[in-house]
Structure formats: structure tokens, C-alpha cells
PDB file of all heavy atoms in Angstrom:
ATOM      1  N   ILE A   1     116.819 133.770  37.382  1.00  0.00           N
ATOM      2  CA  ILE A   1     116.756 135.021  38.148  1.00  0.00           C
ATOM      3  C   ILE A   1     116.181 134.850  39.567  1.00  0.00           C
ATOM      4  O   ILE A   1     116.730 135.423  40.514  1.00  0.00           O
ATOM      5  CB  ILE A   1     115.986 136.109  37.349  1.00  0.00           C
ATOM      6  CG1 ILE A   1     116.847 136.612  36.177  1.00  0.00           C
ATOM      7  CG2 ILE A   1     115.581 137.274  38.242  1.00  0.00           C
ATOM      8  CD1 ILE A   1     117.992 137.550  36.551  1.00  0.00           C
ATOM      9  N   PRO A   2     115.102 134.082  39.776  1.00  0.00           N
ATOM     10  CA  PRO A   2     114.645 133.922  41.165  1.00  0.00           C
ATOM     11  C   PRO A   2     115.710 133.322  42.093  1.00  0.00           C
ATOM     12  O   PRO A   2     115.825 133.723  43.259  1.00  0.00           O
ATOM     13  CB  PRO A   2     113.428 132.994  41.037  1.00  0.00           C
ATOM     14  CG  PRO A   2     112.929 133.232  39.650  1.00  0.00           C
ATOM     15  CD  PRO A   2     114.149 133.484  38.817  1.00  0.00           C
ATOM     16  N   ASP A   3     116.503 132.386  41.580  1.00  0.00           N
ATOM     17  CA  ASP A   3     117.601 131.826  42.380  1.00  0.00           C
ATOM     18  C   ASP A   3     118.625 132.909  42.703  1.00  0.00           C
ATOM     19  O   ASP A   3     119.076 133.056  43.847  1.00  0.00           O
ATOM     20  CB  ASP A   3     118.308 130.692  41.615  1.00  0.00           C
ATOM     21  CG  ASP A   3     117.350 129.597  41.170  1.00  0.00           C
ATOM     22  OD1 ASP A   3     116.403 129.286  41.916  1.00  0.00           O
ATOM     23  OD2 ASP A   3     117.540 129.061  40.065  1.00  0.00           O
ATOM     24  N   ALA A   4     118.997 133.657  41.670  1.00  0.00           N
ATOM     25  CA  ALA A   4     120.001 134.714  41.849  1.00  0.00           C
ATOM     26  C   ALA A   4     119.485 135.816  42.779  1.00  0.00           C
ATOM     27  O   ALA A   4     120.252 136.402  43.547  1.00  0.00           O
ATOM     28  CB  ALA A   4     120.387 135.295  40.490  1.00  0.00           C
ATOM     29  N   ASP A   5     118.172 136.099  42.720  1.00  0.00           N
ATOM     30  CA  ASP A   5     117.569 137.100  43.608  1.00  0.00           C
ATOM     31  C   ASP A   5     117.802 136.761  45.070  1.00  0.00           C
ATOM     32  O   ASP A   5     118.111 137.634  45.889  1.00  0.00           O
ATOM     33  CB  ASP A   5     116.049 137.166  43.373  1.00  0.00           C
ATOM     34  CG  ASP A   5     115.652 138.323  42.466  1.00  0.00           C
ATOM     35  OD1 ASP A   5     116.434 139.292  42.365  1.00  0.00           O
ATOM     36  OD2 ASP A   5     114.562 138.256  41.868  1.00  0.00           O
ATOM     37  N   VAL A   6     117.643 135.489  45.411  1.00  0.00           N
ATOM     38  CA  VAL A   6     117.816 135.054  46.800  1.00  0.00           C
ATOM     39  C   VAL A   6     119.266 135.289  47.235  1.00  0.00           C
ATOM     40  O   VAL A   6     119.536 135.785  48.333  1.00  0.00           O
ATOM     41  CB  VAL A   6     117.403 133.577  46.959  1.00  0.00           C
ATOM     42  CG1 VAL A   6     117.757 133.061  48.355  1.00  0.00           C
ATOM     43  CG2 VAL A   6     115.909 133.417  46.690  1.00  0.00           C
ATOM     44  N   VAL A   7     120.212 134.969  46.341  1.00  0.00           N
ATOM     45  CA  VAL A   7     121.630 135.187  46.641  1.00  0.00           C
ATOM     46  C   VAL A   7     121.907 136.676  46.868  1.00  0.00           C
ATOM     47  O   VAL A   7     122.532 137.063  47.858  1.00  0.00           O
ATOM     48  CB  VAL A   7     122.517 134.643  45.502  1.00  0.00           C
ATOM     49  CG1 VAL A   7     123.968 135.073  45.690  1.00  0.00           C
ATOM     50  CG2 VAL A   7     122.417 133.120  45.432  1.00  0.00           C
ATOM     51  N   CYS A   8     121.435 137.520  45.962  1.00  0.00           N
ATOM     52  CA  CYS A   8     121.686 138.960  46.078  1.00  0.00           C
ATOM     53  C   CYS A   8     121.098 139.515  47.364  1.00  0.00           C
ATOM     54  O   CYS A   8     121.741 140.292  48.071  1.00  0.00           O
ATOM     55  CB  CYS A   8     121.104 139.700  44.872  1.00  0.00           C
ATOM     56  SG  CYS A   8     121.976 139.361  43.326  1.00  0.00           S
ATOM     57  N   ARG A   9     119.880 139.113  47.682  1.00  0.00           N
ATOM     58  CA  ARG A   9     119.250 139.634  48.889  1.00  0.00           C
ATOM     59  C   ARG A   9     119.977 139.154  50.136  1.00  0.00           C
ATOM     60  O   ARG A   9     120.187 139.914  51.085  1.00  0.00           O
ATOM     61  CB  ARG A   9     117.770 139.255  48.916  1.00  0.00           C
ATOM     62  CG  ARG A   9     116.928 140.272  49.672  1.00  0.00           C
ATOM     63  CD  ARG A   9     115.446 140.132  49.501  1.00  0.00           C
ATOM     64  NE  ARG A   9     115.016 138.752  49.647  1.00  0.00           N
ATOM     65  CZ  ARG A   9     114.528 138.025  48.635  1.00  0.00           C
ATOM     66  NH1 ARG A   9     114.405 138.545  47.428  1.00  0.00           N
ATOM     67  NH2 ARG A   9     114.150 136.784  48.845  1.00  0.00           N
ATOM     68  N   GLN A  10     120.375 137.871  50.131  1.00  0.00           N
ATOM     69  CA  GLN A  10     121.081 137.328  51.293  1.00  0.00           C
ATOM     70  C   GLN A  10     122.392 138.073  51.540  1.00  0.00           C
ATOM     71  O   GLN A  10     122.811 138.266  52.685  1.00  0.00           O
ATOM     72  CB  GLN A  10     121.347 135.833  51.078  1.00  0.00           C
ATOM     73  CG  GLN A  10     121.911 135.135  52.298  1.00  0.00           C
ATOM     74  CD  GLN A  10     122.087 133.632  52.060  1.00  0.00           C
ATOM     75  OE1 GLN A  10     121.466 133.052  51.189  1.00  0.00           O
ATOM     76  NE2 GLN A  10     122.958 133.022  52.852  1.00  0.00           N
ATOM     77  N   LEU A  11     123.050 138.519  50.473  1.00  0.00           N
ATOM     78  CA  LEU A  11     124.325 139.236  50.599  1.00  0.00           C
ATOM     79  C   LEU A  11     124.137 140.749  50.734  1.00  0.00           C
ATOM     80  O   LEU A  11     125.105 141.496  50.707  1.00  0.00           O
ATOM     81  CB  LEU A  11     125.205 138.935  49.372  1.00  0.00           C
ATOM     82  CG  LEU A  11     125.700 137.497  49.255  1.00  0.00           C
ATOM     83  CD1 LEU A  11     126.390 137.283  47.920  1.00  0.00           C
ATOM     84  CD2 LEU A  11     126.639 137.150  50.411  1.00  0.00           C
ATOM     85  N   ARG A  12     122.883 141.202  50.862  1.00  0.00           N
ATOM     86  CA  ARG A  12     122.543 142.633  50.929  1.00  0.00           C
ATOM     87  C   ARG A  12     123.081 143.382  49.714  1.00  0.00           C
ATOM     88  O   ARG A  12     123.684 144.454  49.834  1.00  0.00           O
ATOM     89  CB  ARG A  12     123.084 143.265  52.215  1.00  0.00           C
ATOM     90  CG  ARG A  12     122.443 142.666  53.467  1.00  0.00           C
ATOM     91  CD  ARG A  12     122.690 143.557  54.680  1.00  0.00           C
ATOM     92  NE  ARG A  12     121.893 143.094  55.809  1.00  0.00           N
ATOM     93  CZ  ARG A  12     122.293 142.182  56.688  1.00  0.00           C
ATOM     94  NH1 ARG A  12     123.481 141.619  56.544  1.00  0.00           N
ATOM     95  NH2 ARG A  12     121.518 141.832  57.687  1.00  0.00           N
ATOM     96  N   CYS A  13     122.886 142.778  48.544  1.00  0.00           N
ATOM     97  CA  CYS A  13     123.354 143.365  47.288  1.00  0.00           C
ATOM     98  C   CYS A  13     122.183 143.747  46.382  1.00  0.00           C
ATOM     99  O   CYS A  13     122.335 143.859  45.167  1.00  0.00           O
ATOM    100  CB  CYS A  13     124.265 142.380  46.553  1.00  0.00           C
ATOM    101  SG  CYS A  13     125.923 142.256  47.255  1.00  0.00           S
ATOM    102  N   GLY A  14     120.996 143.924  46.967  1.00  0.00           N
ATOM    103  CA  GLY A  14     119.849 144.319  46.157  1.00  0.00           C
ATOM    104  C   GLY A  14     119.202 143.115  45.500  1.00  0.00           C
ATOM    105  O   GLY A  14     119.057 142.054  46.115  1.00  0.00           O
ATOM    106  N   HIS A  15     118.832 143.278  44.234  1.00  0.00           N
ATOM    107  CA  HIS A  15     118.191 142.183  43.501  1.00  0.00           C
ATOM    108  C   HIS A  15     119.093 141.773  42.341  1.00  0.00           C
ATOM    109  O   HIS A  15     120.067 142.444  42.028  1.00  0.00           O
ATOM    110  CB  HIS A  15     116.807 142.609  42.985  1.00  0.00           C
ATOM    111  CG  HIS A  15     116.862 143.750  42.031  1.00  0.00           C
ATOM    112  ND1 HIS A  15     116.794 145.072  42.437  1.00  0.00           N
ATOM    113  CD2 HIS A  15     117.012 143.798  40.679  1.00  0.00           C
ATOM    114  CE1 HIS A  15     116.893 145.871  41.390  1.00  0.00           C
ATOM    115  NE2 HIS A  15     117.019 145.124  40.305  1.00  0.00           N
ATOM    116  N   ALA A  16     118.732 140.663  41.700  1.00  0.00           N
ATOM    117  CA  ALA A  16     119.553 140.153  40.597  1.00  0.00           C
ATOM    118  C   ALA A  16     119.222 140.886  39.302  1.00  0.00           C
ATOM    119  O   ALA A  16     118.055 141.081  38.978  1.00  0.00           O
ATOM    120  CB  ALA A  16     119.321 138.659  40.426  1.00  0.00           C
ATOM    121  N   VAL A  17     120.248 141.295  38.566  1.00  0.00           N
ATOM    122  CA  VAL A  17     120.027 141.843  37.228  1.00  0.00           C
ATOM    123  C   VAL A  17     120.443 140.839  36.151  1.00  0.00           C
ATOM    124  O   VAL A  17     119.982 140.921  35.026  1.00  0.00           O
ATOM    125  CB  VAL A  17     120.746 143.203  37.008  1.00  0.00           C
ATOM    126  CG1 VAL A  17     120.132 144.268  37.898  1.00  0.00           C
ATOM    127  CG2 VAL A  17     122.231 143.121  37.243  1.00  0.00           C
ATOM    128  N   ARG A  18     121.296 139.878  36.504  1.00  0.00           N
ATOM    129  CA  ARG A  18     121.635 138.783  35.583  1.00  0.00           C
ATOM    130  C   ARG A  18     121.922 137.523  36.389  1.00  0.00           C
ATOM    131  O   ARG A  18     122.324 137.606  37.545  1.00  0.00           O
ATOM    132  CB  ARG A  18     122.878 139.122  34.740  1.00  0.00           C
ATOM    133  CG  ARG A  18     122.654 140.204  33.702  1.00  0.00           C
ATOM    134  CD  ARG A  18     123.623 140.079  32.509  1.00  0.00           C
ATOM    135  NE  ARG A  18     125.032 140.225  32.860  1.00  0.00           N
ATOM    136  CZ  ARG A  18     125.639 141.411  33.005  1.00  0.00           C
ATOM    137  NH1 ARG A  18     124.968 142.529  32.856  1.00  0.00           N
ATOM    138  NH2 ARG A  18     126.923 141.459  33.292  1.00  0.00           N
ATOM    139  N   ALA A  19     121.731 136.383  35.760  1.00  0.00           N
ATOM    140  CA  ALA A  19     122.042 135.095  36.397  1.00  0.00           C
ATOM    141  C   ALA A  19     122.916 134.286  35.448  1.00  0.00           C
ATOM    142  O   ALA A  19     122.472 133.325  34.836  1.00  0.00           O
ATOM    143  CB  ALA A  19     120.750 134.339  36.727  1.00  0.00           C
ATOM    144  N   PRO A  20     124.189 134.681  35.271  1.00  0.00           N
ATOM    145  CA  PRO A  20     125.048 134.027  34.276  1.00  0.00           C
ATOM    146  C   PRO A  20     125.351 132.576  34.634  1.00  0.00           C
ATOM    147  O   PRO A  20     125.465 132.221  35.810  1.00  0.00           O
ATOM    148  CB  PRO A  20     126.337 134.863  34.290  1.00  0.00           C
ATOM    149  CG  PRO A  20     126.078 136.029  35.163  1.00  0.00           C
ATOM    150  CD  PRO A  20     124.886 135.743  35.994  1.00  0.00           C
ATOM    151  N   SER A  21     125.480 131.752  33.604  1.00  0.00           N
ATOM    152  CA  SER A  21     125.804 130.342  33.805  1.00  0.00           C
ATOM    153  C   SER A  21     127.146 130.031  33.138  1.00  0.00           C
ATOM    154  O   SER A  21     127.883 130.941  32.749  1.00  0.00           O
ATOM    155  CB  SER A  21     124.682 129.478  33.224  1.00  0.00           C
ATOM    156  OG  SER A  21     124.492 129.805  31.858  1.00  0.00           O
ATOM    157  N   SER A  22     127.466 128.763  33.018  1.00  0.00           N
ATOM    158  CA  SER A  22     128.655 128.293  32.280  1.00  0.00           C
ATOM    159  C   SER A  22     129.953 128.939  32.766  1.00  0.00           C
ATOM    160  O   SER A  22     130.789 129.356  31.969  1.00  0.00           O
ATOM    161  CB  SER A  22     128.490 128.551  30.778  1.00  0.00           C
ATOM    162  OG  SER A  22     127.256 128.032  30.331  1.00  0.00           O
ATOM    163  N   ALA A  23     130.094 129.039  34.088  1.00  0.00           N
ATOM    164  CA  ALA A  23     131.337 129.552  34.695  1.00  0.00           C
ATOM    165  C   ALA A  23     131.745 130.908  34.120  1.00  0.00           C
ATOM    166  O   ALA A  23     132.908 131.134  33.789  1.00  0.00           O
ATOM    167  CB  ALA A  23     132.472 128.534  34.540  1.00  0.00           C
ATOM    168  N   ALA A  24     130.773 131.817  34.018  1.00  0.00           N
ATOM    169  CA  ALA A  24     131.042 133.158  33.482  1.00  0.00           C
ATOM    170  C   ALA A  24     132.105 133.902  34.296  1.00  0.00           C
ATOM    171  O   ALA A  24     132.792 134.771  33.769  1.00  0.00           O
ATOM    172  CB  ALA A  24     129.744 133.973  33.455  1.00  0.00           C
ATOM    173  N   PHE A  25     132.265 133.561  35.564  1.00  0.00           N
ATOM    174  CA  PHE A  25     133.261 134.222  36.421  1.00  0.00           C
ATOM    175  C   PHE A  25     134.427 133.292  36.732  1.00  0.00           C
ATOM    176  O   PHE A  25     135.101 133.439  37.742  1.00  0.00           O
ATOM    177  CB  PHE A  25     132.595 134.712  37.715  1.00  0.00           C
ATOM    178  CG  PHE A  25     131.559 135.769  37.476  1.00  0.00           C
ATOM    179  CD1 PHE A  25     130.207 135.461  37.508  1.00  0.00           C
ATOM    180  CD2 PHE A  25     131.931 137.075  37.169  1.00  0.00           C
ATOM    181  CE1 PHE A  25     129.249 136.429  37.268  1.00  0.00           C
ATOM    182  CE2 PHE A  25     130.986 138.051  36.927  1.00  0.00           C
ATOM    183  CZ  PHE A  25     129.644 137.727  36.970  1.00  0.00           C
ATOM    184  N   GLY A  26     134.647 132.338  35.848  1.00  0.00           N
ATOM    185  CA  GLY A  26     135.739 131.400  36.048  1.00  0.00           C
ATOM    186  C   GLY A  26     135.267 130.138  36.757  1.00  0.00           C
ATOM    187  O   GLY A  26     134.195 130.120  37.373  1.00  0.00           O
ATOM    188  N   ARG A  27     136.049 129.087  36.632  1.00  0.00           N
ATOM    189  CA  ARG A  27     135.689 127.813  37.251  1.00  0.00           C
ATOM    190  C   ARG A  27     136.109 127.802  38.700  1.00  0.00           C
ATOM    191  O   ARG A  27     137.228 128.191  39.036  1.00  0.00           O
ATOM    192  CB  ARG A  27     136.371 126.657  36.512  1.00  0.00           C
ATOM    193  CG  ARG A  27     135.938 126.569  35.067  1.00  0.00           C
ATOM    194  CD  ARG A  27     136.602 125.406  34.362  1.00  0.00           C
ATOM    195  NE  ARG A  27     136.225 125.392  32.939  1.00  0.00           N
ATOM    196  CZ  ARG A  27     136.351 124.343  32.146  1.00  0.00           C
ATOM    197  NH1 ARG A  27     136.876 123.232  32.608  1.00  0.00           N
ATOM    198  NH2 ARG A  27     135.983 124.407  30.888  1.00  0.00           N
ATOM    199  N   GLY A  28     135.196 127.340  39.550  1.00  0.00           N
ATOM    200  CA  GLY A  28     135.503 127.244  40.971  1.00  0.00           C
ATOM    201  C   GLY A  28     136.257 125.972  41.297  1.00  0.00           C
ATOM    202  O   GLY A  28     136.666 125.214  40.418  1.00  0.00           O
ATOM    203  N   HIS A  29     136.447 125.754  42.597  1.00  0.00           N
ATOM    204  CA  HIS A  29     137.146 124.565  43.089  1.00  0.00           C
ATOM    205  C   HIS A  29     136.284 123.923  44.154  1.00  0.00           C
ATOM    206  O   HIS A  29     135.310 124.498  44.606  1.00  0.00           O
ATOM    207  CB  HIS A  29     138.511 124.959  43.677  1.00  0.00           C
ATOM    208  CG  HIS A  29     139.375 125.699  42.698  1.00  0.00           C
ATOM    209  ND1 HIS A  29     140.073 125.069  41.693  1.00  0.00           N
ATOM    210  CD2 HIS A  29     139.625 127.023  42.569  1.00  0.00           C
ATOM    211  CE1 HIS A  29     140.723 125.978  40.982  1.00  0.00           C
ATOM    212  NE2 HIS A  29     140.471 127.168  41.490  1.00  0.00           N
ATOM    213  N   GLY A  30     136.691 122.735  44.555  1.00  0.00           N
ATOM    214  CA  GLY A  30     135.971 122.073  45.636  1.00  0.00           C
ATOM    215  C   GLY A  30     134.718 121.392  45.131  1.00  0.00           C
ATOM    216  O   GLY A  30     134.473 121.285  43.931  1.00  0.00           O
ATOM    217  N   PRO A  31     133.879 120.938  46.072  1.00  0.00           N
ATOM    218  CA  PRO A  31     132.691 120.181  45.686  1.00  0.00           C
ATOM    219  C   PRO A  31     131.630 121.066  45.030  1.00  0.00           C
ATOM    220  O   PRO A  31     131.608 122.270  45.244  1.00  0.00           O
ATOM    221  CB  PRO A  31     132.176 119.627  47.027  1.00  0.00           C
ATOM    222  CG  PRO A  31     132.681 120.591  48.052  1.00  0.00           C
ATOM    223  CD  PRO A  31     133.995 121.098  47.544  1.00  0.00           C
ATOM    224  N   ILE A  32     130.783 120.444  44.228  1.00  0.00           N
ATOM    225  CA  ILE A  32     129.595 121.124  43.704  1.00  0.00           C
ATOM    226  C   ILE A  32     128.455 120.748  44.643  1.00  0.00           C
ATOM    227  O   ILE A  32     128.048 119.588  44.721  1.00  0.00           O
ATOM    228  CB  ILE A  32     129.336 120.702  42.248  1.00  0.00           C
ATOM    229  CG1 ILE A  32     130.491 121.216  41.374  1.00  0.00           C
ATOM    230  CG2 ILE A  32     128.002 121.264  41.768  1.00  0.00           C
ATOM    231  CD1 ILE A  32     130.551 120.621  39.990  1.00  0.00           C
ATOM    232  N   LEU A  33     127.986 121.736  45.411  1.00  0.00           N
ATOM    233  CA  LEU A  33     127.131 121.443  46.561  1.00  0.00           C
ATOM    234  C   LEU A  33     125.643 121.469  46.246  1.00  0.00           C
ATOM    235  O   LEU A  33     124.838 120.948  47.014  1.00  0.00           O
ATOM    236  CB  LEU A  33     127.430 122.444  47.691  1.00  0.00           C
ATOM    237  CG  LEU A  33     128.844 122.351  48.266  1.00  0.00           C
ATOM    238  CD1 LEU A  33     129.108 123.502  49.216  1.00  0.00           C
ATOM    239  CD2 LEU A  33     129.045 121.020  48.990  1.00  0.00           C
ATOM    240  N   ARG A  34     125.248 122.112  45.140  1.00  0.00           N
ATOM    241  CA  ARG A  34     123.829 122.208  44.803  1.00  0.00           C
ATOM    242  C   ARG A  34     123.663 122.059  43.298  1.00  0.00           C
ATOM    243  O   ARG A  34     124.483 122.555  42.524  1.00  0.00           O
ATOM    244  CB  ARG A  34     123.245 123.574  45.199  1.00  0.00           C
ATOM    245  CG  ARG A  34     123.163 123.850  46.681  1.00  0.00           C
ATOM    246  CD  ARG A  34     122.017 123.093  47.335  1.00  0.00           C
ATOM    247  NE  ARG A  34     121.801 123.500  48.697  1.00  0.00           N
ATOM    248  CZ  ARG A  34     122.561 123.134  49.733  1.00  0.00           C
ATOM    249  NH1 ARG A  34     123.624 122.380  49.526  1.00  0.00           N
ATOM    250  NH2 ARG A  34     122.271 123.528  50.954  1.00  0.00           N
ATOM    251  N   ASP A  35     122.550 121.415  42.908  1.00  0.00           N
ATOM    252  CA  ASP A  35     122.184 121.327  41.503  1.00  0.00           C
ATOM    253  C   ASP A  35     120.666 121.476  41.418  1.00  0.00           C
ATOM    254  O   ASP A  35     119.966 121.262  42.418  1.00  0.00           O
ATOM    255  CB  ASP A  35     122.630 119.972  40.930  1.00  0.00           C
ATOM    256  CG  ASP A  35     122.476 119.902  39.405  1.00  0.00           C
ATOM    257  OD1 ASP A  35     122.335 120.969  38.779  1.00  0.00           O
ATOM    258  OD2 ASP A  35     122.499 118.790  38.862  1.00  0.00           O
ATOM    259  N   GLU A  36     120.177 121.852  40.237  1.00  0.00           N
ATOM    260  CA  GLU A  36     118.732 121.984  40.024  1.00  0.00           C
ATOM    261  C   GLU A  36     118.091 122.848  41.112  1.00  0.00           C
ATOM    262  O   GLU A  36     117.039 122.521  41.668  1.00  0.00           O
ATOM    263  CB  GLU A  36     118.051 120.604  40.004  1.00  0.00           C
ATOM    264  CG  GLU A  36     118.570 119.666  38.920  1.00  0.00           C
ATOM    265  CD  GLU A  36     118.141 120.039  37.513  1.00  0.00           C
ATOM    266  OE1 GLU A  36     117.329 120.978  37.355  1.00  0.00           O
ATOM    267  OE2 GLU A  36     118.621 119.387  36.561  1.00  0.00           O
ATOM    268  N   VAL A  37     118.731 123.995  41.427  1.00  0.00           N
ATOM    269  CA  VAL A  37     118.186 124.898  42.446  1.00  0.00           C
ATOM    270  C   VAL A  37     116.864 125.466  41.924  1.00  0.00           C
ATOM    271  O   VAL A  37     116.766 125.887  40.770  1.00  0.00           O
ATOM    272  CB  VAL A  37     119.181 126.036  42.747  1.00  0.00           C
ATOM    273  CG1 VAL A  37     118.588 127.037  43.736  1.00  0.00           C
ATOM    274  CG2 VAL A  37     120.485 125.458  43.286  1.00  0.00           C
ATOM    275  N   GLY A  38     115.856 125.479  42.790  1.00  0.00           N
ATOM    276  CA  GLY A  38     114.533 125.939  42.351  1.00  0.00           C
ATOM    277  C   GLY A  38     113.908 126.925  43.316  1.00  0.00           C
ATOM    278  O   GLY A  38     112.816 126.678  43.851  1.00  0.00           O
ATOM    279  N   CYS A  39     114.570 128.051  43.551  1.00  0.00           N
ATOM    280  CA  CYS A  39     113.994 129.078  44.437  1.00  0.00           C
ATOM    281  C   CYS A  39     112.762 129.695  43.781  1.00  0.00           C
ATOM    282  O   CYS A  39     112.697 129.834  42.560  1.00  0.00           O
ATOM    283  CB  CYS A  39     115.001 130.196  44.703  1.00  0.00           C
ATOM    284  SG  CYS A  39     116.595 129.689  45.354  1.00  0.00           S
ATOM    285  N   GLU A  40     111.817 130.116  44.618  1.00  0.00           N
ATOM    286  CA  GLU A  40     110.701 130.910  44.101  1.00  0.00           C
ATOM    287  C   GLU A  40     111.062 132.393  44.099  1.00  0.00           C
ATOM    288  O   GLU A  40     110.430 133.187  43.411  1.00  0.00           O
ATOM    289  CB  GLU A  40     109.441 130.653  44.939  1.00  0.00           C
ATOM    290  CG  GLU A  40     108.893 129.248  44.701  1.00  0.00           C
ATOM    291  CD  GLU A  40     107.674 128.952  45.558  1.00  0.00           C
ATOM    292  OE1 GLU A  40     107.055 129.910  46.080  1.00  0.00           O
ATOM    293  OE2 GLU A  40     107.343 127.759  45.704  1.00  0.00           O
ATOM    294  N   GLY A  41     112.064 132.769  44.888  1.00  0.00           N
ATOM    295  CA  GLY A  41     112.540 134.154  44.891  1.00  0.00           C
ATOM    296  C   GLY A  41     112.314 134.876  46.198  1.00  0.00           C
ATOM    297  O   GLY A  41     112.889 135.928  46.439  1.00  0.00           O
ATOM    298  N   HIS A  42     111.454 134.319  47.068  1.00  0.00           N
ATOM    299  CA  HIS A  42     111.146 134.997  48.338  1.00  0.00           C
ATOM    300  C   HIS A  42     111.942 134.420  49.505  1.00  0.00           C
ATOM    301  O   HIS A  42     111.901 134.952  50.613  1.00  0.00           O
ATOM    302  CB  HIS A  42     109.652 134.884  48.645  1.00  0.00           C
ATOM    303  CG  HIS A  42     109.182 133.460  48.699  1.00  0.00           C
ATOM    304  ND1 HIS A  42     109.474 132.617  49.752  1.00  0.00           N
ATOM    305  CD2 HIS A  42     108.483 132.716  47.798  1.00  0.00           C
ATOM    306  CE1 HIS A  42     108.962 131.424  49.510  1.00  0.00           C
ATOM    307  NE2 HIS A  42     108.359 131.448  48.321  1.00  0.00           N
ATOM    308  N   GLU A  43     112.689 133.335  49.270  1.00  0.00           N
ATOM    309  CA  GLU A  43     113.421 132.677  50.365  1.00  0.00           C
ATOM    310  C   GLU A  43     114.496 133.620  50.935  1.00  0.00           C
ATOM    311  O   GLU A  43     115.054 134.434  50.222  1.00  0.00           O
ATOM    312  CB  GLU A  43     114.095 131.387  49.861  1.00  0.00           C
ATOM    313  CG  GLU A  43     113.114 130.308  49.446  1.00  0.00           C
ATOM    314  CD  GLU A  43     112.680 130.389  47.984  1.00  0.00           C
ATOM    315  OE1 GLU A  43     112.971 131.398  47.299  1.00  0.00           O
ATOM    316  OE2 GLU A  43     112.026 129.442  47.520  1.00  0.00           O
ATOM    317  N   ARG A  44     114.766 133.455  52.209  1.00  0.00           N
ATOM    318  CA  ARG A  44     115.748 134.340  52.847  1.00  0.00           C
ATOM    319  C   ARG A  44     117.169 133.842  52.655  1.00  0.00           C
ATOM    320  O   ARG A  44     118.117 134.618  52.710  1.00  0.00           O
ATOM    321  CB  ARG A  44     115.441 134.490  54.335  1.00  0.00           C
ATOM    322  CG  ARG A  44     114.099 135.189  54.549  1.00  0.00           C
ATOM    323  CD  ARG A  44     113.898 135.701  55.958  1.00  0.00           C
ATOM    324  NE  ARG A  44     115.076 136.315  56.535  1.00  0.00           N
ATOM    325  CZ  ARG A  44     115.235 136.472  57.847  1.00  0.00           C
ATOM    326  NH1 ARG A  44     114.322 136.040  58.679  1.00  0.00           N
ATOM    327  NH2 ARG A  44     116.328 137.055  58.310  1.00  0.00           N
ATOM    328  N   HIS A  45     117.338 132.527  52.472  1.00  0.00           N
ATOM    329  CA  HIS A  45     118.671 131.954  52.293  1.00  0.00           C
ATOM    330  C   HIS A  45     118.641 130.959  51.154  1.00  0.00           C
ATOM    331  O   HIS A  45     117.640 130.271  50.948  1.00  0.00           O
ATOM    332  CB  HIS A  45     119.136 131.245  53.568  1.00  0.00           C
ATOM    333  CG  HIS A  45     119.230 132.156  54.748  1.00  0.00           C
ATOM    334  ND1 HIS A  45     118.291 132.167  55.763  1.00  0.00           N
ATOM    335  CD2 HIS A  45     120.137 133.112  55.051  1.00  0.00           C
ATOM    336  CE1 HIS A  45     118.632 133.085  56.649  1.00  0.00           C
ATOM    337  NE2 HIS A  45     119.740 133.667  56.246  1.00  0.00           N
ATOM    338  N   LEU A  46     119.759 130.852  50.456  1.00  0.00           N
ATOM    339  CA  LEU A  46     119.836 129.940  49.316  1.00  0.00           C
ATOM    340  C   LEU A  46     119.561 128.496  49.734  1.00  0.00           C
ATOM    341  O   LEU A  46     118.943 127.736  48.988  1.00  0.00           O
ATOM    342  CB  LEU A  46     121.217 130.058  48.645  1.00  0.00           C
ATOM    343  CG  LEU A  46     121.406 129.253  47.354  1.00  0.00           C
ATOM    344  CD1 LEU A  46     120.435 129.725  46.274  1.00  0.00           C
ATOM    345  CD2 LEU A  46     122.842 129.359  46.858  1.00  0.00           C
ATOM    346  N   TRP A  47     120.006 128.132  50.952  1.00  0.00           N
ATOM    347  CA  TRP A  47     119.832 126.730  51.361  1.00  0.00           C
ATOM    348  C   TRP A  47     118.398 126.390  51.730  1.00  0.00           C
ATOM    349  O   TRP A  47     118.084 125.236  51.979  1.00  0.00           O
ATOM    350  CB  TRP A  47     120.795 126.337  52.489  1.00  0.00           C
ATOM    351  CG  TRP A  47     121.112 127.420  53.459  1.00  0.00           C
ATOM    352  CD1 TRP A  47     120.434 127.733  54.594  1.00  0.00           C
ATOM    353  CD2 TRP A  47     122.210 128.330  53.381  1.00  0.00           C
ATOM    354  NE1 TRP A  47     121.034 128.789  55.220  1.00  0.00           N
ATOM    355  CE2 TRP A  47     122.134 129.178  54.501  1.00  0.00           C
ATOM    356  CE3 TRP A  47     123.260 128.513  52.457  1.00  0.00           C
ATOM    357  CZ2 TRP A  47     123.059 130.200  54.734  1.00  0.00           C
ATOM    358  CZ3 TRP A  47     124.174 129.535  52.691  1.00  0.00           C
ATOM    359  CH2 TRP A  47     124.074 130.360  53.817  1.00  0.00           C
TER     360      TRP A  47
END
């Protein structure tokens, strides 16, 4: 959830209510750019 919170806030979508894994929204394409993401939740950008 803290990781997802940063994404939601960055996109101006409020806060995270779920952080689904295992390609819940289908499998993406291209490179996998991040692993073991460890946000504390207050960061302004995912990167």
C-alpha cells in the first residue's frame, strides 16, 4: 500500500485502496523497470 499510495498521489487519484499483484490488470509489455520497490508512502514520485 505505501508504494501504491505514491502512485495514486502522483497521478492525482487520491490514496491507494488496494495494491493488487500478479498481473491483476493483465500482463504488460516491454522491460520490467523496477523490483523490490520500498516506498515509505510520503515520496512525491515513484522513482
